[in-house]
Protein backbone atom coordinates (compact mmCIF):
# COMPACT_ATOMS: atom_id res chain seq x y z
CA MET A 1 0.10 0.06 0.11
CA VAL A 2 2.78 2.09 0.38
CA ASP A 3 5.29 1.70 -2.10
CA LEU A 4 4.61 4.47 -3.93
CA ASN A 5 5.43 3.47 -6.90
CA GLN A 6 9.03 2.35 -5.86
CA GLN A 7 11.14 2.85 -2.48
CA PRO A 8 14.38 4.80 -2.27
CA THR A 9 17.60 2.39 -2.79
CA SER A 10 19.72 3.97 0.23
CA ASP A 11 19.17 3.47 3.99
CA GLU A 12 19.28 6.98 5.14
CA GLU A 13 16.18 7.68 3.09
CA SER A 14 14.29 4.86 4.22
CA ASN A 15 14.99 4.82 7.55
CA PRO A 16 16.52 8.47 8.89
CA GLU A 17 17.07 9.40 12.26
CA PRO A 18 16.53 12.88 14.11
CA ILE A 19 19.12 14.40 15.63
CA ASN A 20 18.43 16.65 18.80
CA ASN A 21 17.41 20.28 17.70
CA ASN A 22 14.96 22.76 18.94
CA ILE A 23 12.72 21.81 16.29
CA SER A 24 11.73 18.29 16.82
CA ASN A 25 9.78 17.00 19.17
CA LYS A 26 10.20 14.46 21.98
CA ASN A 27 6.75 14.13 24.09
CA ASN A 28 5.33 10.85 22.48
CA GLY A 29 1.94 11.93 20.41
CA PRO A 30 1.28 15.09 17.81
CA SER A 31 2.57 18.35 18.51
CA SER A 32 1.13 21.56 17.93
CA SER A 33 3.59 24.37 19.81
CA ASN A 34 4.67 25.48 16.25
CA GLY A 35 1.91 25.13 13.99
CA LEU A 36 2.95 21.70 12.73
CA VAL A 37 1.09 18.77 13.47
CA ARG A 38 3.96 15.49 13.38
CA LEU A 39 4.68 12.57 15.49
CA ALA A 40 7.96 12.46 17.92
CA ASP A 41 10.47 10.27 15.26
CA PRO A 42 9.43 11.99 12.10
CA SER A 43 11.62 9.13 10.07
CA GLU A 44 8.35 6.73 10.81
CA ARG A 45 5.85 9.42 9.91
CA TYR A 46 6.80 9.46 6.41
CA LYS A 47 7.54 6.68 3.83
CA LYS A 48 9.49 8.28 1.47
CA GLY A 49 8.73 6.72 -2.48
CA ILE A 50 10.39 8.11 -5.79
CA THR A 51 12.11 11.08 -6.66
CA LEU A 52 10.21 13.53 -7.74
CA GLY A 53 12.79 15.89 -9.15
CA GLN A 54 16.00 17.78 -8.05
CA GLY A 55 16.61 21.84 -8.04
CA THR A 56 19.62 23.43 -7.43
CA TYR A 57 19.16 23.73 -3.40
CA GLY A 58 17.58 19.68 -2.81
CA THR A 59 15.37 17.01 -3.70
CA VAL A 60 12.08 16.64 -3.57
CA TYR A 61 10.16 12.90 -2.62
CA LYS A 62 6.87 11.57 -2.79
CA ALA A 63 5.92 10.16 0.95
CA PHE A 64 3.14 9.00 2.66
CA ASP A 65 1.83 10.90 5.68
CA THR A 66 0.98 7.11 8.10
CA LEU A 67 -0.38 9.32 10.14
CA THR A 68 -2.77 11.09 8.04
CA ASN A 69 -3.14 8.77 5.77
CA LYS A 70 -2.32 10.93 2.48
CA THR A 71 0.44 11.07 0.11
CA VAL A 72 2.98 13.86 0.71
CA ALA A 73 5.75 15.86 -0.81
CA VAL A 74 9.02 16.37 0.80
CA LYS A 75 11.58 18.95 0.10
CA LYS A 76 15.08 17.82 1.19
CA ILE A 77 17.44 20.71 1.59
CA HIS A 78 21.41 20.04 1.83
CA LEU A 79 22.51 21.85 4.61
CA GLY A 80 25.75 20.54 5.42
CA ASP A 81 27.07 20.94 1.84
CA ALA A 82 24.93 24.40 1.25
CA LYS A 83 26.15 28.08 0.14
CA GLU A 84 25.83 31.38 2.25
CA GLY A 85 22.19 31.72 2.25
CA VAL A 86 20.43 28.34 1.88
CA HIS A 87 19.32 28.41 5.18
CA VAL A 88 17.98 31.35 5.66
CA THR A 89 15.71 31.06 2.46
CA ALA A 90 14.88 27.38 3.44
CA LEU A 91 13.73 29.23 7.11
CA ARG A 92 11.73 32.29 5.53
CA GLU A 93 9.85 29.78 2.97
CA ILE A 94 9.08 27.93 6.30
CA LYS A 95 8.09 31.01 8.02
CA LEU A 96 6.15 33.17 5.01
CA LEU A 97 4.46 30.00 4.15
CA LYS A 98 2.81 29.23 7.71
CA GLU A 99 1.29 32.63 7.65
CA LEU A 100 -0.05 31.61 4.08
CA LYS A 101 -3.15 29.86 4.34
CA ASP A 102 -5.14 29.98 1.60
CA PRO A 103 -6.93 27.08 -0.85
CA ASN A 104 -5.02 28.77 -3.75
CA ILE A 105 -1.24 28.41 -1.44
CA ILE A 106 0.43 25.41 -1.10
CA GLN A 107 0.34 24.33 2.25
CA LEU A 108 3.19 23.15 4.68
CA ILE A 109 2.49 20.13 6.59
CA ASP A 110 5.94 19.93 8.75
CA ALA A 111 10.04 20.65 8.91
CA TYR A 112 12.36 18.73 10.31
CA PRO A 113 16.20 18.25 10.42
CA HIS A 114 18.57 14.58 9.82
CA LYS A 115 22.08 14.67 9.19
CA ARG A 116 22.74 17.97 8.37
CA ASN A 117 19.39 18.03 5.82
CA LEU A 118 16.41 20.44 6.52
CA HIS A 119 12.98 18.17 5.19
CA ILE A 120 9.93 20.57 4.40
CA VAL A 121 6.88 18.80 4.16
CA PHE A 122 4.20 20.40 1.84
CA GLU A 123 0.60 18.42 0.11
CA PHE A 124 1.11 16.63 -2.27
CA MET A 125 0.92 18.07 -6.31
CA GLU A 126 -0.01 16.78 -9.89
CA SER A 127 1.63 18.85 -11.88
CA ASP A 128 2.22 22.39 -12.73
CA LEU A 129 0.67 24.98 -15.09
CA GLU A 130 3.72 25.01 -16.68
CA THR A 131 2.86 20.99 -17.97
CA VAL A 132 -0.60 21.90 -18.48
CA ILE A 133 0.67 24.83 -21.54
CA LYS A 134 3.06 22.63 -22.67
CA ASP A 135 0.60 19.12 -23.46
CA ARG A 136 -0.31 19.79 -26.92
CA ASN A 137 -2.99 17.18 -26.75
CA ILE A 138 -5.08 19.30 -23.93
CA HIS A 139 -7.09 21.82 -25.10
CA LEU A 140 -8.13 25.04 -23.07
CA SER A 141 -11.41 26.61 -23.38
CA PRO A 142 -11.81 30.36 -22.34
CA ALA A 143 -13.47 29.06 -19.54
CA ASP A 144 -10.53 27.02 -18.65
CA ILE A 145 -7.94 29.77 -19.29
CA LYS A 146 -10.14 31.90 -16.92
CA SER A 147 -10.28 29.45 -13.91
CA TYR A 148 -6.44 29.02 -13.97
CA MET A 149 -5.98 32.75 -13.92
CA GLN A 150 -8.87 33.66 -11.15
CA MET A 151 -6.47 31.01 -8.43
CA THR A 152 -3.87 32.02 -10.04
CA LEU A 153 -4.88 35.75 -8.71
CA LYS A 154 -6.82 34.40 -5.56
CA GLY A 155 -3.67 33.49 -4.33
CA LEU A 156 -1.64 36.65 -5.59
CA ALA A 157 -4.38 38.67 -3.42
CA VAL A 158 -3.49 36.47 0.03
CA CYS A 159 0.12 37.15 -0.30
CA HIS A 160 -0.16 40.75 -0.81
CA LYS A 161 -2.39 41.30 1.71
CA LYS A 162 -0.55 39.98 3.73
CA TRP A 163 2.47 41.70 2.67
CA VAL A 164 4.07 38.82 1.11
CA LEU A 165 5.96 39.49 -2.45
CA HIS A 166 6.14 36.31 -4.52
CA ARG A 167 8.69 37.15 -6.39
CA ASP A 168 9.24 33.90 -8.63
CA MET A 169 5.55 34.19 -10.38
CA LYS A 170 6.21 31.75 -13.47
CA PRO A 171 3.94 28.29 -14.38
CA ASN A 172 5.75 25.74 -13.34
CA ASN A 173 5.87 27.04 -9.44
CA LEU A 174 1.42 27.40 -9.95
CA LEU A 175 1.16 23.86 -8.86
CA ILE A 176 -2.00 21.86 -10.03
CA ALA A 177 -3.55 19.64 -7.08
CA PRO A 178 -5.29 16.33 -7.50
CA ASP A 179 -8.86 18.06 -7.26
CA GLY A 180 -7.77 20.55 -10.01
CA GLN A 181 -6.76 23.18 -7.46
CA LEU A 182 -3.84 25.09 -8.38
CA LYS A 183 -1.80 27.18 -6.12
CA LEU A 184 1.04 29.09 -5.45
CA GLY A 185 4.14 27.10 -4.76
CA ASP A 186 7.94 27.84 -4.53
CA PHE A 187 8.07 30.66 -1.68
CA GLY A 188 11.91 30.79 -1.37
CA LEU A 189 12.25 34.09 -2.77
CA ALA A 190 9.45 35.67 -1.39
CA ARG A 191 10.35 39.24 0.61
CA LEU A 192 8.15 40.87 3.05
CA PHE A 193 7.27 44.31 1.52
CA GLY A 194 6.06 47.55 2.24
CA SER A 195 8.92 49.61 3.80
CA PRO A 196 10.00 52.74 2.30
CA ASN A 197 13.79 51.81 3.28
CA ARG A 198 13.69 48.09 1.98
CA ARG A 199 15.84 47.35 -1.32
CA PHE A 200 15.51 44.51 -3.12
CA THR A 201 18.11 42.50 -5.62
CA HIS A 202 16.15 42.77 -8.88
CA GLN A 203 17.66 39.23 -10.16
CA VAL A 204 14.82 37.25 -9.40
CA PHE A 205 12.83 35.44 -11.49
CA ALA A 206 12.57 33.13 -14.42
CA LEU A 207 13.94 36.07 -17.13
CA TRP A 208 11.13 36.80 -19.00
CA TYR A 209 8.48 37.04 -16.31
CA ARG A 210 10.45 40.10 -14.71
CA ALA A 211 8.77 43.64 -14.96
CA PRO A 212 10.48 46.38 -16.94
CA GLU A 213 11.59 48.16 -13.58
CA LEU A 214 13.38 45.30 -12.25
CA LEU A 215 15.40 44.37 -15.48
CA TYR A 216 16.16 48.76 -15.40
CA GLY A 217 17.47 47.89 -11.78
CA ALA A 218 14.89 48.76 -9.65
CA LYS A 219 16.05 48.05 -5.61
CA HIS A 220 12.06 49.54 -4.62
CA TYR A 221 9.71 48.16 -6.17
CA GLY A 222 6.05 46.54 -4.77
CA SER A 223 3.67 44.23 -5.67
CA GLY A 224 3.47 44.77 -9.59
CA VAL A 225 5.99 42.59 -10.33
CA ASP A 226 4.49 39.77 -9.31
CA VAL A 227 1.41 41.06 -11.21
CA TRP A 228 3.58 41.53 -14.75
CA ALA A 229 4.27 38.26 -14.58
CA ALA A 230 1.13 37.01 -13.78
CA GLY A 231 0.14 38.59 -17.35
CA CYS A 232 2.66 36.43 -18.96
CA ILE A 233 1.18 34.03 -17.79
CA PHE A 234 -1.74 35.17 -18.63
CA ALA A 235 -0.65 35.81 -22.28
CA GLU A 236 1.14 31.96 -22.32
CA LEU A 237 -2.25 30.36 -21.35
CA ILE A 238 -4.27 32.53 -24.56
CA LEU A 239 -1.18 31.99 -26.70
CA ARG A 240 0.12 28.41 -25.65
CA ARG A 241 4.00 28.82 -26.18
CA PRO A 242 6.27 31.37 -24.57
CA PHE A 243 5.54 35.39 -24.99
CA LEU A 244 8.24 37.98 -24.28
CA GLN A 245 11.00 35.65 -24.19
CA GLY A 246 14.64 37.46 -24.85
CA ASN A 247 18.38 36.63 -23.84
CA GLY A 248 19.63 38.56 -21.24
CA ASP A 249 18.09 41.84 -19.98
CA LEU A 250 18.32 44.19 -22.32
CA ASP A 251 17.11 41.96 -25.46
CA GLN A 252 14.24 41.12 -22.64
CA LEU A 253 13.42 45.03 -22.68
CA GLY A 254 13.49 45.20 -26.57
CA LYS A 255 11.19 41.94 -26.75
CA ILE A 256 8.80 44.37 -24.38
CA PHE A 257 8.63 47.28 -25.83
CA ALA A 258 8.69 46.06 -29.70
CA ALA A 259 5.35 44.60 -28.28
CA PHE A 260 3.77 47.00 -26.07
CA GLY A 261 6.14 50.41 -27.67
CA THR A 262 8.58 51.51 -26.06
CA PRO A 263 7.41 54.13 -22.76
CA LYS A 264 7.32 57.30 -23.04
CA PRO A 265 8.05 59.99 -19.88
CA SER A 266 3.71 60.57 -19.57
CA GLN A 267 3.19 56.70 -19.56
CA TRP A 268 5.77 56.45 -17.14
CA PRO A 269 7.59 59.05 -15.51
CA ASP A 270 10.11 57.50 -13.20
CA MET A 271 11.60 55.82 -15.99
CA HIS A 272 14.41 57.80 -16.49
CA CYS A 273 15.57 57.60 -12.89
CA LEU A 274 16.16 54.08 -12.34
CA PRO A 275 19.92 52.48 -11.93
CA ASP A 276 20.10 50.71 -15.09
CA PHE A 277 18.17 53.00 -17.14
CA VAL A 278 19.36 52.52 -21.42
CA GLU A 279 17.39 54.58 -23.57
CA PHE A 280 15.75 52.72 -26.33
CA GLN A 281 14.37 53.91 -30.15
CA GLN A 282 10.82 54.83 -30.28
CA VAL A 283 8.85 52.31 -31.62
CA PRO A 284 5.03 51.67 -31.09
CA PRO A 285 3.26 49.86 -30.11
CA GLN A 286 0.91 46.97 -31.52
CA PRO A 287 -2.18 46.19 -31.07
CA LEU A 288 -3.04 43.68 -28.47
CA ARG A 289 -5.43 41.99 -31.34
CA THR A 290 -2.73 41.92 -33.11
CA LEU A 291 -1.06 40.05 -30.83
CA PHE A 292 -3.34 37.62 -29.11
CA PRO A 293 -5.46 37.38 -31.94
CA THR A 294 -7.97 35.02 -29.96
CA ALA A 295 -8.79 36.46 -26.51
CA THR A 296 -11.68 38.15 -25.87
CA GLU A 297 -12.37 42.03 -25.29
CA ASP A 298 -12.49 41.51 -21.50
CA ALA A 299 -8.96 39.77 -22.00
CA LEU A 300 -7.59 41.79 -23.55
CA ASP A 301 -8.56 44.96 -21.35
CA LEU A 302 -6.97 42.79 -18.25
CA LEU A 303 -3.72 41.97 -19.77
CA SER A 304 -3.80 45.79 -20.99
CA LYS A 305 -3.93 46.91 -17.63
CA MET A 306 -1.18 43.78 -15.95
CA PHE A 307 1.07 45.73 -18.66
CA ALA A 308 0.73 48.76 -17.75
CA PHE A 309 4.43 50.01 -17.87
CA ASP A 310 4.59 51.89 -14.73
CA PRO A 311 4.21 50.01 -11.51
CA LYS A 312 1.87 52.91 -10.18
CA GLN A 313 -0.48 52.65 -13.30
CA ARG A 314 -0.45 48.39 -12.71
CA ILE A 315 -3.80 47.04 -11.87
CA SER A 316 -3.05 45.07 -8.31
CA ALA A 317 -4.19 41.51 -8.41
CA GLN A 318 -7.15 42.52 -6.14
CA GLN A 319 -8.54 44.28 -8.79
CA ALA A 320 -7.63 42.27 -11.40
CA LEU A 321 -10.30 39.65 -9.73
CA GLU A 322 -13.06 42.51 -9.76
CA HIS A 323 -11.78 42.88 -13.55
CA ARG A 324 -15.84 42.23 -15.80
CA TYR A 325 -13.29 39.53 -17.70
CA PHE A 326 -13.92 37.28 -14.26
CA SER A 327 -17.68 38.02 -14.30
CA SER A 328 -18.73 37.84 -17.88
CA ALA A 329 -19.24 35.02 -20.12
CA PRO A 330 -18.07 31.69 -20.15
CA VAL A 331 -18.28 31.15 -16.27
CA PRO A 332 -15.02 29.80 -15.02
CA THR A 333 -14.73 25.90 -15.50
CA ARG A 334 -14.80 24.16 -11.88
CA PRO A 335 -11.29 23.22 -10.88
CA ASP A 336 -12.31 19.77 -10.49
CA LEU A 337 -13.58 19.38 -14.41
CA LEU A 338 -10.21 21.28 -15.45
CA PRO A 339 -8.43 18.86 -18.11
CA LYS A 340 -5.55 16.97 -16.80
CA PRO A 341 -1.90 16.80 -18.22
CA SER A 342 -0.79 13.52 -19.81
CA LYS A 343 1.78 12.26 -16.92
CA ALA A 344 4.91 11.77 -20.14
CA VAL A 345 4.65 15.36 -20.50
CA ASN A 346 7.75 16.33 -19.09
CA GLN A 347 10.25 17.23 -22.18
CA SER A 348 10.33 20.87 -23.78
CA MET A 349 6.68 22.09 -25.89
CA PRO A 350 7.76 20.34 -29.47
CA PRO A 351 6.94 22.69 -32.73
CA VAL A 352 3.98 22.92 -34.27
CA PRO A 353 4.52 21.08 -37.31
CA ALA A 354 4.01 23.01 -40.47
CA SER A 355 1.66 21.97 -43.15
CA PRO A 356 4.05 20.37 -46.15
CA ASN A 357 2.62 22.60 -48.71
CA ALA A 358 3.68 25.83 -46.14
CA PRO A 359 5.29 28.71 -47.90
CA VAL A 360 8.78 29.01 -47.09
CA LEU A 361 10.97 32.23 -46.63
CA LEU A 362 14.22 32.44 -47.92
CA SER A 363 16.86 34.59 -46.77
CA PRO A 364 20.62 34.61 -46.62
CA SER A 365 20.95 33.70 -42.67
CA LYS A 366 17.45 31.11 -41.64
CA VAL A 367 14.87 29.57 -43.19
CA ARG A 368 11.84 29.92 -41.97
CA ARG A 369 7.74 29.03 -42.45
CA VAL A 370 5.41 31.49 -43.04
CA MET A 371 1.55 31.68 -41.91
CA LEU A 372 -0.80 32.44 -44.71
CA PHE A 373 -3.53 34.68 -43.93
CA PRO A 374 -6.75 32.67 -45.78
CA GLY A 375 -9.72 34.70 -46.65
CA GLU A 376 -7.79 37.92 -46.86
CA PRO A 377 -6.55 40.02 -49.94
CA THR A 378 -3.20 39.56 -51.16
CA GLY A 379 -1.14 42.12 -51.74
CA ASN A 380 2.60 42.42 -53.56
CA GLN A 381 3.24 38.33 -54.57
CA SER A 382 6.60 37.32 -54.79
CA MET A 383 7.41 33.63 -55.62
CA GLN A 384 9.96 31.90 -53.48
CA THR A 385 11.74 28.41 -54.18
CA SER A 386 12.59 25.37 -51.15
CA GLU A 387 13.84 21.79 -51.90
CA SER A 388 11.54 19.40 -50.70
CA ALA A 389 12.16 15.40 -50.53
CA SER A 390 10.39 14.97 -54.09
CA GLY A 391 13.27 17.86 -55.44
CA ALA A 392 12.47 21.40 -56.19
CA THR A 393 9.17 22.37 -55.84
CA THR A 394 7.40 26.27 -56.44
CA ASN A 395 5.35 27.90 -53.89
CA PRO A 396 3.69 31.37 -53.68
CA PHE A 397 4.51 33.50 -51.34
CA ASP A 398 1.35 35.51 -51.00
CA ILE A 399 1.33 38.08 -48.05
CA PRO A 400 -1.29 41.12 -47.72
CA ALA A 401 1.08 44.07 -47.58
CA ASP A 402 -0.64 45.51 -44.67
CA LYS A 403 0.36 42.04 -42.44
CA LEU A 404 4.13 42.14 -42.91
CA ARG A 405 4.10 44.38 -39.94
CA GLU A 406 2.82 41.55 -37.57
CA VAL A 407 4.66 38.60 -39.54
CA TYR A 408 8.12 40.88 -38.70
CA PRO A 409 7.02 43.49 -35.71
CA PRO A 410 9.41 46.02 -35.61
CA LYS A 411 12.58 45.86 -33.25
CA SER A 412 13.13 48.12 -30.33
CA ARG A 413 16.81 48.51 -30.06
CA ILE A 414 18.74 50.82 -27.54
CA THR A 415 20.02 54.56 -28.99
CA GLU A 416 23.05 55.40 -29.74
CA SER A 417 23.46 57.13 -26.12
CA GLY A 418 22.38 53.48 -24.45
CA LYS A 419 25.74 51.71 -25.92
CA LYS A 420 27.78 54.97 -25.49
CA HIS A 421 26.18 54.37 -21.41
CA LEU A 422 26.76 50.66 -21.36
CA LYS A 423 30.03 50.89 -22.80
CA ARG A 424 31.51 53.10 -20.18
CA LYS A 425 29.91 51.03 -17.67
CA THR A 426 31.46 47.83 -18.74
CA MET A 427 34.58 49.05 -20.04
CA ASP A 428 37.79 49.34 -17.43
CA VAL A 429 39.18 52.59 -16.09
CA ALA A 430 41.92 53.43 -19.13
CA ALA A 431 39.84 52.20 -21.71
CA ALA A 432 37.19 54.76 -20.50
CA LEU A 433 39.88 57.07 -20.08
CA ASP A 434 40.57 56.54 -23.94
CA GLU A 435 36.75 57.01 -25.04
CA CYS A 436 36.52 59.92 -23.46
CA ALA A 437 39.42 61.70 -24.85
CA ARG A 438 38.91 60.64 -28.13
CA GLU A 439 35.14 62.44 -27.72
CA ASN A 440 36.98 64.98 -26.60
CA ALA A 441 39.67 65.17 -29.92
CA SER A 442 36.75 64.37 -31.95
CA GLY A 443 34.37 68.13 -30.80
CA GLY A 444 32.49 66.54 -28.34
CA ASN A 445 29.41 64.75 -28.35
CA SER A 446 27.12 64.65 -31.53
CA ASP A 447 24.50 63.19 -30.08
CA PRO A 448 22.15 65.10 -29.00
CA TYR A 449 20.28 62.85 -26.53
CA GLU A 450 23.09 61.52 -24.24
CA HIS A 451 23.09 64.74 -22.02
CA SER A 452 19.73 64.27 -20.95
CA ALA A 453 20.35 60.00 -20.79
CA LYS A 454 22.55 61.31 -17.92
CA ARG A 455 20.72 64.12 -16.14
CA GLY A 456 17.68 61.13 -15.67
CA ARG A 457 19.80 58.51 -14.46
CA HIS A 458 21.23 60.84 -12.03
CA SER A 459 18.50 62.75 -11.41
């Protein structure tokens, strides 16, 4: 009954012995002094099974709780070989989860040390939202997407009400219980916020879920960073593919500005004051309907508010829950009726195969398949030739002129003043002095925007 698919092979994992410490309870029977109920010997209570996953700080096992007769997940954190900060991260996660009690936040069951390892026991979760997005066998209806987003925002609203920033909102940290409930998990990067003197690092989040203020090096920020990340998750649920994916902070900003336009001072007055501000070329925003062609008008309106550049103007998680998107038809799907991913889906999302008759755009650097626009009047026509297994074939490449912008959106690049600023920031002192000497010899600054950019950085 308790094999849990497979038992651990090592004696240490199958029958660990507790050590003396201030967390363990030596009395017989359950204890609730620290809010966590457990038997005197945790190793007898939790029978470990298969390994569910491994991360930077530890390993997660499937286990059976002999006290409640339920399946749980045990996260073993390697304290013995841990580097600086891991102990604090683990204790912070335990402390915050004891304060956050909600159906849409993962439940902390127990925590105990053993042989220089800290074991944290959570309720067992079958899957996560990333697996759902990647599973091509799942069809997500608008009601399903609405249900996932509603549960995400509910958990987030509870965190923010308790003055907790999650700071690591991404699909694989949104866990799905056997009953279909979505729960926020992995609070290792979470922090309390609210103090104007509290400074945070901006090196948090998976790269493409960071808000623009984080990419620009903001040290003081609020709940808007979580809402921006939730907006990215919302977009990925609609598109069923990654959204705003970039390589590095600057490339990420370029992707954001190419989609939503380069922000103007009227949209984000404090932008120029951020520590890592770099000026980008002005690019007009794309219509949200172009970015999300299948979304409803209510969904587009909510997305626009979640993707506001100025964090002071960005919608909050609680305000998002009160948006008309969640009260309009269709009604969100009940959690127990949501589609479940196949257990075999653990690999990366496979590319959608192109039709063998799809046209191919040939360029000196790459070959790229493009989609036609059926039913649209065609503009200028051209012909492209591609090689196939049966030999050379010629396919018509007919794209309306007004659709070219959607296939190849404008790119937002760093201005010349921004490039010079970055160069000075990364060069050593000697190279920086040589650069200044060359500029003085050439007659000074020829870029009219450079001085304004400097004033913005240091104002």
